[in-house]
Amino acid sequence: MTDKEKDIPPETAEGVTGLPEEEEAAAPSPGTRPAEEDEAARLKTRLAYLAAELDNFRKRAAREKEAVVAYGNERLLRAILPFLDNLERALTQAAASGSTEPLIEGVRLTYDHFLAELRKFGLTQIAAEGEMFDPNLHEAIAMVPWEGKPEGTVLAENRKGYLLNGRLLRPAQVTVAQPLRPAEAGIGEEGDGPDRNGREI
């Protein structure tokens, strides 16, 4: 052993001799990089598959949306077709008999049947005549001074209103009673009433 080797402390000597072992432990093993590359390739393939699935879903949803728009009213139209048939029969019978009675009766029956069928789709008529005016359901198109009726009473229904599953589809157009002025006393006695245009009769 030389004099220089004697001067090196044991701890330093151990540290020097241990460096090659630590470098060997830190170096990656030959099989590590290929495994990482395989995993990355699998993830890339998986992402490509998911992207294709998402694209197919979007296309399928677009086709279904187009079908709903094109054929969404099919059920309703199928329900309406029988009423067209009934009206055609009523017109044919009226023309053959030379009388309007079959036409009137046919139209009345068709109207009742049509309304009953529309109720299956959630359509209901709004009660109007004789009711108190409701701005949520009624549209006042005329105000008529009237005696014997509380102010705001619907005197006549000019156009029917409808609800669709409880939500307003179209308000009823109505004529509404308003208080009499002194000069108008005697208007609106029993037996009188406004016509559908709000005129007094």
Protein backbone atom coordinates (compact mmCIF):
# COMPACT_ATOMS: atom_id res chain seq x y z
CA MET A 1 0.00 0.00 0.00
CA THR A 2 1.42 3.39 -1.00
CA ASP A 3 1.48 6.48 1.16
CA LYS A 4 -1.31 8.10 -0.92
CA GLU A 5 -3.59 5.10 -0.41
CA LYS A 6 -2.98 5.31 3.31
CA ASP A 7 -4.18 8.96 3.31
CA ILE A 8 -7.67 8.13 1.82
CA PRO A 9 -10.29 7.70 4.57
CA PRO A 10 -12.21 4.42 4.60
CA GLU A 11 -15.57 6.18 3.96
CA THR A 12 -14.20 7.87 0.85
CA ALA A 13 -12.72 4.67 -0.38
CA GLU A 14 -16.05 2.86 0.01
CA GLY A 15 -17.85 5.68 -1.82
CA VAL A 16 -15.47 5.49 -4.73
CA THR A 17 -15.71 1.75 -5.01
CA GLY A 18 -19.57 1.92 -4.82
CA LEU A 19 -20.10 4.32 -7.75
CA PRO A 20 -19.96 1.73 -10.54
CA GLU A 21 -22.59 -0.42 -8.76
CA GLU A 22 -25.02 2.56 -8.44
CA GLU A 23 -24.54 3.46 -12.10
CA GLU A 24 -25.29 -0.13 -13.07
CA ALA A 25 -28.48 -0.12 -10.94
CA ALA A 26 -29.68 3.18 -12.45
CA ALA A 27 -29.21 2.02 -16.04
CA PRO A 28 -32.48 0.76 -17.66
CA SER A 29 -32.81 -2.89 -18.34
CA PRO A 30 -32.75 -3.97 -21.96
CA GLY A 31 -36.47 -4.95 -21.95
CA THR A 32 -37.92 -1.73 -20.41
CA ARG A 33 -38.19 0.49 -23.53
CA PRO A 34 -39.95 -2.06 -25.78
CA ALA A 35 -42.59 -2.61 -23.07
CA GLU A 36 -43.29 1.14 -22.88
CA GLU A 37 -43.55 1.34 -26.65
CA ASP A 38 -46.02 -1.56 -26.69
CA GLU A 39 -48.19 0.15 -24.08
CA ALA A 40 -48.16 3.42 -26.04
CA ALA A 41 -49.17 1.55 -29.19
CA ARG A 42 -52.04 -0.13 -27.37
CA LEU A 43 -53.27 3.24 -26.04
CA LYS A 44 -53.03 4.77 -29.49
CA THR A 45 -55.08 1.93 -30.97
CA ARG A 46 -57.65 2.24 -28.18
CA LEU A 47 -58.01 5.99 -28.74
CA ALA A 48 -58.46 5.47 -32.47
CA TYR A 49 -61.20 2.90 -31.76
CA LEU A 50 -63.00 5.25 -29.34
CA ALA A 51 -62.79 8.10 -31.85
CA ALA A 52 -64.36 5.88 -34.52
CA GLU A 53 -67.12 4.82 -32.11
CA LEU A 54 -67.87 8.46 -31.27
CA ASP A 55 -68.05 9.36 -34.95
CA ASN A 56 -70.44 6.48 -35.63
CA PHE A 57 -72.61 7.55 -32.69
CA ARG A 58 -72.83 11.11 -34.00
CA LYS A 59 -73.82 9.90 -37.46
CA ARG A 60 -76.43 7.55 -36.01
CA ALA A 61 -77.88 10.31 -33.80
CA ALA A 62 -78.07 12.66 -36.81
CA ARG A 63 -79.98 10.03 -38.83
CA GLU A 64 -82.39 9.41 -35.96
CA LYS A 65 -82.98 13.16 -35.58
CA GLU A 66 -83.75 13.47 -39.28
CA ALA A 67 -86.21 10.58 -39.01
CA VAL A 68 -87.98 12.21 -36.06
CA VAL A 69 -88.33 15.47 -37.97
CA ALA A 70 -89.55 13.73 -41.13
CA TYR A 71 -91.93 11.24 -39.52
CA GLY A 72 -92.65 12.70 -36.07
CA ASN A 73 -96.25 13.54 -37.05
CA GLU A 74 -97.00 10.16 -38.58
CA ARG A 75 -99.19 9.02 -35.68
CA LEU A 76 -101.21 12.22 -35.73
CA LEU A 77 -101.66 12.15 -39.50
CA ARG A 78 -102.81 8.54 -39.40
CA ALA A 79 -105.47 9.60 -36.90
CA ILE A 80 -106.61 12.44 -39.18
CA LEU A 81 -107.01 10.37 -42.36
CA PRO A 82 -110.35 8.77 -41.33
CA PHE A 83 -111.89 12.23 -40.93
CA LEU A 84 -110.93 13.14 -44.46
CA ASP A 85 -112.63 9.93 -45.58
CA ASN A 86 -115.79 10.85 -43.65
CA LEU A 87 -115.89 14.34 -45.13
CA GLU A 88 -115.49 12.95 -48.63
CA ARG A 89 -118.37 10.52 -48.04
CA ALA A 90 -120.55 13.32 -46.68
CA LEU A 91 -119.85 15.47 -49.74
CA THR A 92 -120.59 12.56 -52.06
CA GLN A 93 -123.89 11.75 -50.34
CA ALA A 94 -124.97 15.39 -50.31
CA ALA A 95 -124.25 15.71 -54.03
CA ALA A 96 -126.16 12.50 -54.79
CA SER A 97 -129.24 13.39 -52.73
CA GLY A 98 -129.38 17.05 -53.67
CA SER A 99 -129.91 17.92 -50.00
CA THR A 100 -127.63 19.64 -47.51
CA GLU A 101 -128.87 17.64 -44.52
CA PRO A 102 -126.53 14.67 -45.11
CA LEU A 103 -123.63 17.08 -45.47
CA ILE A 104 -124.47 18.90 -42.25
CA GLU A 105 -124.93 15.64 -40.35
CA GLY A 106 -121.73 14.19 -41.77
CA VAL A 107 -119.73 17.27 -40.86
CA ARG A 108 -121.15 17.26 -37.33
CA LEU A 109 -120.31 13.59 -36.78
CA THR A 110 -116.85 14.09 -38.24
CA TYR A 111 -116.23 17.09 -35.97
CA ASP A 112 -117.24 15.13 -32.86
CA HIS A 113 -115.13 12.15 -33.90
CA PHE A 114 -112.17 14.35 -34.75
CA LEU A 115 -112.29 16.14 -31.41
CA ALA A 116 -112.52 12.84 -29.52
CA GLU A 117 -109.49 11.52 -31.39
CA LEU A 118 -107.44 14.66 -30.72
CA ARG A 119 -108.11 14.24 -27.00
CA LYS A 120 -105.96 11.10 -27.20
CA PHE A 121 -103.06 13.37 -28.12
CA GLY A 122 -103.63 15.58 -25.08
CA LEU A 123 -105.76 18.28 -26.76
CA THR A 124 -108.62 19.77 -24.72
CA GLN A 125 -110.91 22.72 -25.33
CA ILE A 126 -110.88 25.71 -23.00
CA ALA A 127 -114.17 26.54 -21.27
CA ALA A 128 -115.07 30.12 -22.10
CA GLU A 129 -118.70 31.21 -22.45
CA GLY A 130 -120.25 32.04 -19.08
CA GLU A 131 -116.88 31.83 -17.31
CA MET A 132 -114.98 34.72 -15.78
CA PHE A 133 -112.36 36.19 -18.08
CA ASP A 134 -108.93 34.64 -17.48
CA PRO A 135 -106.06 36.39 -19.29
CA ASN A 136 -104.06 33.17 -19.09
CA LEU A 137 -106.66 31.33 -21.17
CA HIS A 138 -108.77 33.96 -22.92
CA GLU A 139 -108.09 36.73 -25.40
CA ALA A 140 -110.63 39.57 -25.23
CA ILE A 141 -111.46 40.94 -28.67
CA ALA A 142 -114.48 43.01 -27.56
CA MET A 143 -115.83 44.59 -24.39
CA VAL A 144 -119.61 45.03 -24.30
CA PRO A 145 -121.58 46.95 -21.63
CA TRP A 146 -124.02 44.40 -20.19
CA GLU A 147 -126.63 44.40 -17.48
CA GLY A 148 -127.25 41.37 -15.32
CA LYS A 149 -123.76 39.90 -15.78
CA PRO A 150 -120.79 40.50 -13.48
CA GLU A 151 -117.98 42.53 -14.95
CA GLY A 152 -115.49 40.27 -16.69
CA THR A 153 -118.00 37.55 -17.60
CA VAL A 154 -117.37 35.97 -20.99
CA LEU A 155 -120.51 36.67 -23.01
CA ALA A 156 -119.59 34.90 -26.24
CA GLU A 157 -116.85 32.71 -27.61
CA ASN A 158 -115.59 33.96 -30.96
CA ARG A 159 -112.92 31.31 -31.47
CA LYS A 160 -112.28 28.23 -29.36
CA GLY A 161 -109.10 27.92 -27.37
CA TYR A 162 -107.15 24.73 -26.69
CA LEU A 163 -104.73 23.23 -24.18
CA LEU A 164 -102.12 20.63 -25.06
CA ASN A 165 -101.43 18.38 -22.07
CA GLY A 166 -102.38 21.23 -19.76
CA ARG A 167 -100.24 23.85 -21.52
CA LEU A 168 -101.83 26.68 -23.49
CA LEU A 169 -101.82 25.94 -27.21
CA ARG A 170 -104.14 28.76 -28.32
CA PRO A 171 -106.21 31.18 -26.22
CA ALA A 172 -109.96 31.43 -26.72
CA GLN A 173 -111.05 34.68 -28.36
CA VAL A 174 -113.98 36.04 -26.38
CA THR A 175 -116.36 38.95 -25.87
CA VAL A 176 -116.38 40.18 -22.28
CA ALA A 177 -119.00 42.06 -20.24
CA GLN A 178 -118.16 45.45 -18.80
CA PRO A 179 -120.16 47.70 -16.46
CA LEU A 180 -122.98 49.83 -17.86
CA ARG A 181 -122.70 53.59 -18.00
CA PRO A 182 -125.81 55.48 -16.83
CA ALA A 183 -126.87 56.29 -20.39
CA GLU A 184 -126.71 52.59 -21.31
CA ALA A 185 -129.18 51.32 -18.72
CA GLY A 186 -131.45 48.61 -20.06
CA ILE A 187 -128.85 47.10 -22.40
CA GLY A 188 -128.27 43.41 -21.99
CA GLU A 189 -131.59 42.32 -20.56
CA GLU A 190 -132.59 38.68 -20.56
CA GLY A 191 -133.01 37.31 -24.09
CA ASP A 192 -130.43 39.66 -25.56
CA GLY A 193 -126.82 38.85 -26.14
CA PRO A 194 -123.81 39.71 -28.28
CA ASP A 195 -123.16 37.81 -31.45
CA ARG A 196 -119.80 36.17 -32.13
CA ASN A 197 -118.36 39.49 -33.32
CA GLY A 198 -119.29 41.26 -30.09
CA ARG A 199 -122.24 43.13 -31.58
CA GLU A 200 -125.46 43.40 -29.60
CA ILE A 201 -128.45 41.46 -30.92
